[in-house]
Amino acid sequence: MKPKITIHYCVLCQWLLRAGWLAQELLSTFSDDLAEVAIAPASKGVFKIFYNDTQIWCREADGGFPEAKVLKRRVRDLLDPERNLGHIDK
């Protein structure tokens, strides 16, 4: 079964564009390997990303927002650790 990525973003903080951009980045890299990339509204400064039910990013715990290459590495490490991400791995 293919994994699902869910990006929870704070509506009040207006982080929808950032969430959408990261969703687009993940889909462009892993489109054939993911069942879904969802964007879910949240509040209170939340910006969290889940791989199925496993949290792989939290704005508060990880110190801000992920760079696309860092997020792609975290997804790859769970999805297919042997996968080469090209220039991202350099």
PDB file of N, CA and C in Angstrom:
ATOM      1  N   MET A   1       0.835  -1.191   0.000  1.00  0.00           N
ATOM      2  CA  MET A   1       0.000   0.000   0.000  1.00  0.00           C
ATOM      3  C   MET A   1       0.880   1.255   0.000  1.00  0.00           C
ATOM      4  N   LYS A   2       0.538   2.184  -0.841  1.00  0.00           N
ATOM      5  CA  LYS A   2       1.326   3.404  -0.950  1.00  0.00           C
ATOM      6  C   LYS A   2       1.031   4.342   0.232  1.00  0.00           C
ATOM      7  N   PRO A   3       2.046   5.080   0.682  1.00  0.00           N
ATOM      8  CA  PRO A   3       1.854   5.973   1.827  1.00  0.00           C
ATOM      9  C   PRO A   3       1.119   7.263   1.460  1.00  0.00           C
ATOM     10  N   LYS A   4       0.594   7.889   2.495  1.00  0.00           N
ATOM     11  CA  LYS A   4      -0.095   9.176   2.379  1.00  0.00           C
ATOM     12  C   LYS A   4       0.712  10.218   3.156  1.00  0.00           C
ATOM     13  N   ILE A   5       0.899  11.373   2.547  1.00  0.00           N
ATOM     14  CA  ILE A   5       1.540  12.506   3.205  1.00  0.00           C
ATOM     15  C   ILE A   5       0.447  13.522   3.525  1.00  0.00           C
ATOM     16  N   THR A   6       0.440  14.029   4.754  1.00  0.00           N
ATOM     17  CA  THR A   6      -0.517  15.068   5.144  1.00  0.00           C
ATOM     18  C   THR A   6       0.254  16.249   5.721  1.00  0.00           C
ATOM     19  N   ILE A   7      -0.027  17.425   5.182  1.00  0.00           N
ATOM     20  CA  ILE A   7       0.602  18.658   5.657  1.00  0.00           C
ATOM     21  C   ILE A   7      -0.470  19.468   6.382  1.00  0.00           C
ATOM     22  N   HIS A   8      -0.287  19.647   7.692  1.00  0.00           N
ATOM     23  CA  HIS A   8      -1.202  20.448   8.501  1.00  0.00           C
ATOM     24  C   HIS A   8      -0.598  21.854   8.615  1.00  0.00           C
ATOM     25  N   TYR A   9      -1.381  22.865   8.266  1.00  0.00           N
ATOM     26  CA  TYR A   9      -0.866  24.237   8.269  1.00  0.00           C
ATOM     27  C   TYR A   9      -1.836  25.158   8.998  1.00  0.00           C
ATOM     28  N   CYS A  10      -1.308  26.191   9.635  1.00  0.00           N
ATOM     29  CA  CYS A  10      -2.123  27.166  10.352  1.00  0.00           C
ATOM     30  C   CYS A  10      -2.803  28.115   9.363  1.00  0.00           C
ATOM     31  N   VAL A  11      -4.125  28.124   9.407  1.00  0.00           N
ATOM     32  CA  VAL A  11      -4.918  29.003   8.541  1.00  0.00           C
ATOM     33  C   VAL A  11      -4.712  30.464   8.941  1.00  0.00           C
ATOM     34  N   LEU A  12      -4.700  30.729  10.244  1.00  0.00           N
ATOM     35  CA  LEU A  12      -4.556  32.104  10.737  1.00  0.00           C
ATOM     36  C   LEU A  12      -3.214  32.714  10.356  1.00  0.00           C
ATOM     37  N   CYS A  13      -2.185  31.868  10.272  1.00  0.00           N
ATOM     38  CA  CYS A  13      -0.841  32.329   9.900  1.00  0.00           C
ATOM     39  C   CYS A  13      -0.672  32.443   8.387  1.00  0.00           C
ATOM     40  N   GLN A  14      -1.665  31.981   7.644  1.00  0.00           N
ATOM     41  CA  GLN A  14      -1.676  32.046   6.180  1.00  0.00           C
ATOM     42  C   GLN A  14      -0.504  31.277   5.559  1.00  0.00           C
ATOM     43  N   TRP A  15      -0.346  30.037   6.008  1.00  0.00           N
ATOM     44  CA  TRP A  15       0.726  29.193   5.506  1.00  0.00           C
ATOM     45  C   TRP A  15       0.258  28.240   4.417  1.00  0.00           C
ATOM     46  N   LEU A  16      -0.892  28.496   3.820  1.00  0.00           N
ATOM     47  CA  LEU A  16      -1.416  27.637   2.762  1.00  0.00           C
ATOM     48  C   LEU A  16      -0.475  27.564   1.561  1.00  0.00           C
ATOM     49  N   LEU A  17       0.048  28.686   1.119  1.00  0.00           N
ATOM     50  CA  LEU A  17       0.932  28.672  -0.045  1.00  0.00           C
ATOM     51  C   LEU A  17       2.190  27.846   0.204  1.00  0.00           C
ATOM     52  N   ARG A  18       2.731  27.948   1.401  1.00  0.00           N
ATOM     53  CA  ARG A  18       3.922  27.165   1.753  1.00  0.00           C
ATOM     54  C   ARG A  18       3.574  25.672   1.751  1.00  0.00           C
ATOM     55  N   ALA A  19       2.427  25.323   2.342  1.00  0.00           N
ATOM     56  CA  ALA A  19       1.990  23.927   2.365  1.00  0.00           C
ATOM     57  C   ALA A  19       1.762  23.413   0.949  1.00  0.00           C
ATOM     58  N   GLY A  20       1.138  24.230   0.111  1.00  0.00           N
ATOM     59  CA  GLY A  20       0.876  23.848  -1.271  1.00  0.00           C
ATOM     60  C   GLY A  20       2.153  23.658  -2.068  1.00  0.00           C
ATOM     61  N   TRP A  21       3.110  24.536  -1.841  1.00  0.00           N
ATOM     62  CA  TRP A  21       4.393  24.433  -2.542  1.00  0.00           C
ATOM     63  C   TRP A  21       5.116  23.143  -2.149  1.00  0.00           C
ATOM     64  N   LEU A  22       5.131  22.820  -0.844  1.00  0.00           N
ATOM     65  CA  LEU A  22       5.792  21.594  -0.414  1.00  0.00           C
ATOM     66  C   LEU A  22       5.064  20.361  -0.939  1.00  0.00           C
ATOM     67  N   ALA A  23       3.742  20.409  -0.993  1.00  0.00           N
ATOM     68  CA  ALA A  23       2.973  19.303  -1.566  1.00  0.00           C
ATOM     69  C   ALA A  23       3.351  19.112  -3.031  1.00  0.00           C
ATOM     70  N   GLN A  24       3.467  20.206  -3.755  1.00  0.00           N
ATOM     71  CA  GLN A  24       3.859  20.151  -5.166  1.00  0.00           C
ATOM     72  C   GLN A  24       5.259  19.558  -5.317  1.00  0.00           C
ATOM     73  N   GLU A  25       6.172  19.954  -4.472  1.00  0.00           N
ATOM     74  CA  GLU A  25       7.537  19.425  -4.519  1.00  0.00           C
ATOM     75  C   GLU A  25       7.553  17.916  -4.275  1.00  0.00           C
ATOM     76  N   LEU A  26       6.787  17.464  -3.291  1.00  0.00           N
ATOM     77  CA  LEU A  26       6.739  16.030  -3.004  1.00  0.00           C
ATOM     78  C   LEU A  26       6.107  15.259  -4.155  1.00  0.00           C
ATOM     79  N   LEU A  27       5.044  15.796  -4.718  1.00  0.00           N
ATOM     80  CA  LEU A  27       4.393  15.131  -5.837  1.00  0.00           C
ATOM     81  C   LEU A  27       5.285  15.085  -7.069  1.00  0.00           C
ATOM     82  N   SER A  28       6.063  16.116  -7.287  1.00  0.00           N
ATOM     83  CA  SER A  28       6.934  16.124  -8.464  1.00  0.00           C
ATOM     84  C   SER A  28       8.047  15.081  -8.336  1.00  0.00           C
ATOM     85  N   THR A  29       8.435  14.764  -7.120  1.00  0.00           N
ATOM     86  CA  THR A  29       9.509  13.795  -6.899  1.00  0.00           C
ATOM     87  C   THR A  29       8.992  12.376  -6.689  1.00  0.00           C
ATOM     88  N   PHE A  30       7.875  12.226  -5.979  1.00  0.00           N
ATOM     89  CA  PHE A  30       7.410  10.902  -5.565  1.00  0.00           C
ATOM     90  C   PHE A  30       6.026  10.534  -6.092  1.00  0.00           C
ATOM     91  N   SER A  31       5.559  11.172  -7.142  1.00  0.00           N
ATOM     92  CA  SER A  31       4.169  11.016  -7.588  1.00  0.00           C
ATOM     93  C   SER A  31       3.738   9.565  -7.788  1.00  0.00           C
ATOM     94  N   ASP A  32       4.591   8.721  -8.331  1.00  0.00           N
ATOM     95  CA  ASP A  32       4.215   7.330  -8.584  1.00  0.00           C
ATOM     96  C   ASP A  32       4.253   6.471  -7.326  1.00  0.00           C
ATOM     97  N   ASP A  33       4.877   6.979  -6.276  1.00  0.00           N
ATOM     98  CA  ASP A  33       5.090   6.184  -5.068  1.00  0.00           C
ATOM     99  C   ASP A  33       4.183   6.562  -3.902  1.00  0.00           C
ATOM    100  N   LEU A  34       3.398   7.623  -4.060  1.00  0.00           N
ATOM    101  CA  LEU A  34       2.517   8.085  -2.985  1.00  0.00           C
ATOM    102  C   LEU A  34       1.057   7.880  -3.357  1.00  0.00           C
ATOM    103  N   ALA A  35       0.255   7.499  -2.381  1.00  0.00           N
ATOM    104  CA  ALA A  35      -1.181   7.358  -2.606  1.00  0.00           C
ATOM    105  C   ALA A  35      -1.836   8.728  -2.664  1.00  0.00           C
ATOM    106  N   GLU A  36      -1.296   9.664  -1.862  1.00  0.00           N
ATOM    107  CA  GLU A  36      -1.951  10.967  -1.726  1.00  0.00           C
ATOM    108  C   GLU A  36      -1.022  11.934  -1.015  1.00  0.00           C
ATOM    109  N   VAL A  37      -1.140  13.197  -1.358  1.00  0.00           N
ATOM    110  CA  VAL A  37      -0.542  14.278  -0.578  1.00  0.00           C
ATOM    111  C   VAL A  37      -1.695  15.223  -0.254  1.00  0.00           C
ATOM    112  N   ALA A  38      -2.007  15.330   1.024  1.00  0.00           N
ATOM    113  CA  ALA A  38      -3.151  16.130   1.468  1.00  0.00           C
ATOM    114  C   ALA A  38      -2.679  17.363   2.227  1.00  0.00           C
ATOM    115  N   ILE A  39      -3.468  18.415   2.132  1.00  0.00           N
ATOM    116  CA  ILE A  39      -3.214  19.651   2.870  1.00  0.00           C
ATOM    117  C   ILE A  39      -4.401  19.855   3.794  1.00  0.00           C
ATOM    118  N   ALA A  40      -4.127  19.934   5.104  1.00  0.00           N
ATOM    119  CA  ALA A  40      -5.192  20.009   6.099  1.00  0.00           C
ATOM    120  C   ALA A  40      -5.078  21.288   6.922  1.00  0.00           C
ATOM    121  N   PRO A  41      -6.149  22.069   7.015  1.00  0.00           N
ATOM    122  CA  PRO A  41      -6.112  23.288   7.813  1.00  0.00           C
ATOM    123  C   PRO A  41      -5.991  22.981   9.304  1.00  0.00           C
ATOM    124  N   ALA A  42      -5.249  23.838   9.984  1.00  0.00           N
ATOM    125  CA  ALA A  42      -5.061  23.737  11.428  1.00  0.00           C
ATOM    126  C   ALA A  42      -5.060  25.157  11.994  1.00  0.00           C
ATOM    127  N   SER A  43      -4.682  25.302  13.242  1.00  0.00           N
ATOM    128  CA  SER A  43      -4.631  26.625  13.873  1.00  0.00           C
ATOM    129  C   SER A  43      -3.468  26.679  14.850  1.00  0.00           C
ATOM    130  N   LYS A  44      -3.342  27.783  15.553  1.00  0.00           N
ATOM    131  CA  LYS A  44      -2.367  27.966  16.632  1.00  0.00           C
ATOM    132  C   LYS A  44      -0.913  27.766  16.201  1.00  0.00           C
ATOM    133  N   GLY A  45      -0.580  28.207  15.004  1.00  0.00           N
ATOM    134  CA  GLY A  45       0.806  28.151  14.561  1.00  0.00           C
ATOM    135  C   GLY A  45       1.299  26.779  14.143  1.00  0.00           C
ATOM    136  N   VAL A  46       0.384  25.866  13.908  1.00  0.00           N
ATOM    137  CA  VAL A  46       0.765  24.494  13.551  1.00  0.00           C
ATOM    138  C   VAL A  46       1.274  24.418  12.119  1.00  0.00           C
ATOM    139  N   PHE A  47       2.391  23.747  11.943  1.00  0.00           N
ATOM    140  CA  PHE A  47       2.874  23.340  10.632  1.00  0.00           C
ATOM    141  C   PHE A  47       3.570  22.008  10.848  1.00  0.00           C
ATOM    142  N   LYS A  48       2.817  20.921  10.591  1.00  0.00           N
ATOM    143  CA  LYS A  48       3.314  19.573  10.816  1.00  0.00           C
ATOM    144  C   LYS A  48       3.088  18.742   9.559  1.00  0.00           C
ATOM    145  N   ILE A  49       4.010  17.831   9.323  1.00  0.00           N
ATOM    146  CA  ILE A  49       3.915  16.961   8.158  1.00  0.00           C
ATOM    147  C   ILE A  49       3.993  15.516   8.635  1.00  0.00           C
ATOM    148  N   PHE A  50       3.066  14.701   8.131  1.00  0.00           N
ATOM    149  CA  PHE A  50       2.980  13.301   8.514  1.00  0.00           C
ATOM    150  C   PHE A  50       3.170  12.399   7.304  1.00  0.00           C
ATOM    151  N   TYR A  51       3.876  11.314   7.529  1.00  0.00           N
ATOM    152  CA  TYR A  51       4.019  10.213   6.571  1.00  0.00           C
ATOM    153  C   TYR A  51       3.168   9.111   7.162  1.00  0.00           C
ATOM    154  N   ASN A  52       2.006   8.856   6.553  1.00  0.00           N
ATOM    155  CA  ASN A  52       0.974   8.025   7.175  1.00  0.00           C
ATOM    156  C   ASN A  52       0.696   8.621   8.556  1.00  0.00           C
ATOM    157  N   ASP A  53       0.919   7.879   9.624  1.00  0.00           N
ATOM    158  CA  ASP A  53       0.652   8.417  10.967  1.00  0.00           C
ATOM    159  C   ASP A  53       1.912   8.851  11.695  1.00  0.00           C
ATOM    160  N   THR A  54       3.042   8.848  11.009  1.00  0.00           N
ATOM    161  CA  THR A  54       4.315   9.217  11.618  1.00  0.00           C
ATOM    162  C   THR A  54       4.647  10.670  11.304  1.00  0.00           C
ATOM    163  N   GLN A  55       4.834  11.464  12.339  1.00  0.00           N
ATOM    164  CA  GLN A  55       5.208  12.866  12.131  1.00  0.00           C
ATOM    165  C   GLN A  55       6.654  12.928  11.652  1.00  0.00           C
ATOM    166  N   ILE A  56       6.864  13.608  10.522  1.00  0.00           N
ATOM    167  CA  ILE A  56       8.227  13.735   9.993  1.00  0.00           C
ATOM    168  C   ILE A  56       8.725  15.182  10.011  1.00  0.00           C
ATOM    169  N   TRP A  57       7.832  16.123  10.346  1.00  0.00           N
ATOM    170  CA  TRP A  57       8.262  17.515  10.506  1.00  0.00           C
ATOM    171  C   TRP A  57       7.301  18.235  11.429  1.00  0.00           C
ATOM    172  N   CYS A  58       7.852  19.059  12.306  1.00  0.00           N
ATOM    173  CA  CYS A  58       7.067  19.935  13.174  1.00  0.00           C
ATOM    174  C   CYS A  58       7.791  21.269  13.238  1.00  0.00           C
ATOM    175  N   ARG A  59       7.100  22.331  12.863  1.00  0.00           N
ATOM    176  CA  ARG A  59       7.727  23.654  12.834  1.00  0.00           C
ATOM    177  C   ARG A  59       8.357  24.008  14.173  1.00  0.00           C
ATOM    178  N   GLU A  60       7.682  23.732  15.265  1.00  0.00           N
ATOM    179  CA  GLU A  60       8.210  24.088  16.585  1.00  0.00           C
ATOM    180  C   GLU A  60       9.404  23.216  16.973  1.00  0.00           C
ATOM    181  N   ALA A  61       9.276  21.916  16.810  1.00  0.00           N
ATOM    182  CA  ALA A  61      10.345  20.996  17.217  1.00  0.00           C
ATOM    183  C   ALA A  61      11.562  21.065  16.297  1.00  0.00           C
ATOM    184  N   ASP A  62      11.323  21.274  14.998  1.00  0.00           N
ATOM    185  CA  ASP A  62      12.417  21.270  14.023  1.00  0.00           C
ATOM    186  C   ASP A  62      12.971  22.654  13.723  1.00  0.00           C
ATOM    187  N   GLY A  63      12.436  23.674  14.362  1.00  0.00           N
ATOM    188  CA  GLY A  63      13.006  25.011  14.229  1.00  0.00           C
ATOM    189  C   GLY A  63      12.660  25.741  12.945  1.00  0.00           C
ATOM    190  N   GLY A  64      11.409  25.718  12.556  1.00  0.00           N
ATOM    191  CA  GLY A  64      10.980  26.470  11.374  1.00  0.00           C
ATOM    192  C   GLY A  64      10.361  25.567  10.329  1.00  0.00           C
ATOM    193  N   PHE A  65      10.445  26.003   9.099  1.00  0.00           N
ATOM    194  CA  PHE A  65       9.850  25.275   7.983  1.00  0.00           C
ATOM    195  C   PHE A  65      10.934  24.472   7.265  1.00  0.00           C
ATOM    196  N   PRO A  66      10.547  23.336   6.700  1.00  0.00           N
ATOM    197  CA  PRO A  66      11.557  22.513   6.020  1.00  0.00           C
ATOM    198  C   PRO A  66      11.932  23.074   4.657  1.00  0.00           C
ATOM    199  N   GLU A  67      13.198  22.929   4.316  1.00  0.00           N
ATOM    200  CA  GLU A  67      13.594  23.144   2.932  1.00  0.00           C
ATOM    201  C   GLU A  67      13.072  21.941   2.162  1.00  0.00           C
ATOM    202  N   ALA A  68      12.734  22.131   0.912  1.00  0.00           N
ATOM    203  CA  ALA A  68      12.194  21.041   0.103  1.00  0.00           C
ATOM    204  C   ALA A  68      13.141  19.844   0.080  1.00  0.00           C
ATOM    205  N   LYS A  69      14.443  20.087  -0.051  1.00  0.00           N
ATOM    206  CA  LYS A  69      15.385  18.970  -0.132  1.00  0.00           C
ATOM    207  C   LYS A  69      15.444  18.181   1.167  1.00  0.00           C
ATOM    208  N   VAL A  70      15.307  18.846   2.299  1.00  0.00           N
ATOM    209  CA  VAL A  70      15.321  18.159   3.593  1.00  0.00           C
ATOM    210  C   VAL A  70      14.066  17.302   3.740  1.00  0.00           C
ATOM    211  N   LEU A  71      12.923  17.852   3.374  1.00  0.00           N
ATOM    212  CA  LEU A  71      11.675  17.098   3.445  1.00  0.00           C
ATOM    213  C   LEU A  71      11.699  15.901   2.501  1.00  0.00           C
ATOM    214  N   LYS A  72      12.213  16.095   1.309  1.00  0.00           N
ATOM    215  CA  LYS A  72      12.301  14.990   0.346  1.00  0.00           C
ATOM    216  C   LYS A  72      13.199  13.875   0.879  1.00  0.00           C
ATOM    217  N   ARG A  73      14.276  14.232   1.540  1.00  0.00           N
ATOM    218  CA  ARG A  73      15.155  13.213   2.121  1.00  0.00           C
ATOM    219  C   ARG A  73      14.424  12.421   3.205  1.00  0.00           C
ATOM    220  N   ARG A  74      13.643  13.119   4.040  1.00  0.00           N
ATOM    221  CA  ARG A  74      12.912  12.428   5.109  1.00  0.00           C
ATOM    222  C   ARG A  74      11.868  11.477   4.540  1.00  0.00           C
ATOM    223  N   VAL A  75      11.191  11.910   3.490  1.00  0.00           N
ATOM    224  CA  VAL A  75      10.202  11.038   2.848  1.00  0.00           C
ATOM    225  C   VAL A  75      10.912   9.855   2.199  1.00  0.00           C
ATOM    226  N   ARG A  76      11.974  10.114   1.472  1.00  0.00           N
ATOM    227  CA  ARG A  76      12.739   9.050   0.818  1.00  0.00           C
ATOM    228  C   ARG A  76      13.244   8.028   1.825  1.00  0.00           C
ATOM    229  N   ASP A  77      13.747   8.498   2.970  1.00  0.00           N
ATOM    230  CA  ASP A  77      14.304   7.591   3.970  1.00  0.00           C
ATOM    231  C   ASP A  77      13.265   6.610   4.503  1.00  0.00           C
ATOM    232  N   LEU A  78      12.004   6.993   4.507  1.00  0.00           N
ATOM    233  CA  LEU A  78      10.933   6.093   4.928  1.00  0.00           C
ATOM    234  C   LEU A  78      10.391   5.265   3.767  1.00  0.00           C
ATOM    235  N   LEU A  79      10.311   5.868   2.617  1.00  0.00           N
ATOM    236  CA  LEU A  79       9.709   5.235   1.442  1.00  0.00           C
ATOM    237  C   LEU A  79      10.640   4.229   0.772  1.00  0.00           C
ATOM    238  N   ASP A  80      11.876   4.679   0.517  1.00  0.00           N
ATOM    239  CA  ASP A  80      12.836   3.856  -0.223  1.00  0.00           C
ATOM    240  C   ASP A  80      14.243   4.381   0.068  1.00  0.00           C
ATOM    241  N   PRO A  81      14.842   3.947   1.192  1.00  0.00           N
ATOM    242  CA  PRO A  81      16.138   4.499   1.616  1.00  0.00           C
ATOM    243  C   PRO A  81      17.255   4.396   0.583  1.00  0.00           C
ATOM    244  N   GLU A  82      17.153   3.455  -0.332  1.00  0.00           N
ATOM    245  CA  GLU A  82      18.195   3.270  -1.341  1.00  0.00           C
ATOM    246  C   GLU A  82      18.019   4.188  -2.547  1.00  0.00           C
ATOM    247  N   ARG A  83      16.905   4.886  -2.630  1.00  0.00           N
ATOM    248  CA  ARG A  83      16.598   5.729  -3.787  1.00  0.00           C
ATOM    249  C   ARG A  83      17.547   6.914  -3.873  1.00  0.00           C
ATOM    250  N   ASN A  84      18.033   7.164  -5.063  1.00  0.00           N
ATOM    251  CA  ASN A  84      18.911   8.305  -5.324  1.00  0.00           C
ATOM    252  C   ASN A  84      18.037   9.504  -5.707  1.00  0.00           C
ATOM    253  N   LEU A  85      18.231  10.606  -5.010  1.00  0.00           N
ATOM    254  CA  LEU A  85      17.478  11.828  -5.298  1.00  0.00           C
ATOM    255  C   LEU A  85      18.261  12.788  -6.183  1.00  0.00           C
ATOM    256  N   GLY A  86      19.285  12.297  -6.833  1.00  0.00           N
ATOM    257  CA  GLY A  86      20.043  13.130  -7.763  1.00  0.00           C
ATOM    258  C   GLY A  86      20.776  14.248  -7.073  1.00  0.00           C
ATOM    259  N   HIS A  87      20.602  15.466  -7.567  1.00  0.00           N
ATOM    260  CA  HIS A  87      21.348  16.622  -7.048  1.00  0.00           C
ATOM    261  C   HIS A  87      21.022  16.927  -5.588  1.00  0.00           C
ATOM    262  N   ILE A  88      19.887  16.475  -5.091  1.00  0.00           N
ATOM    263  CA  ILE A  88      19.528  16.703  -3.689  1.00  0.00           C
ATOM    264  C   ILE A  88      20.466  15.954  -2.748  1.00  0.00           C
ATOM    265  N   ASP A  89      20.974  14.825  -3.192  1.00  0.00           N
ATOM    266  CA  ASP A  89      21.863  14.009  -2.362  1.00  0.00           C
ATOM    267  C   ASP A  89      23.314  14.485  -2.383  1.00  0.00           C
ATOM    268  N   LYS A  90      23.627  15.457  -3.195  1.00  0.00           N
ATOM    269  CA  LYS A  90      25.020  15.929  -3.272  1.00  0.00           C
ATOM    270  C   LYS A  90      25.322  16.940  -2.196  1.00  0.00           C
TER     271      LYS A  90
END
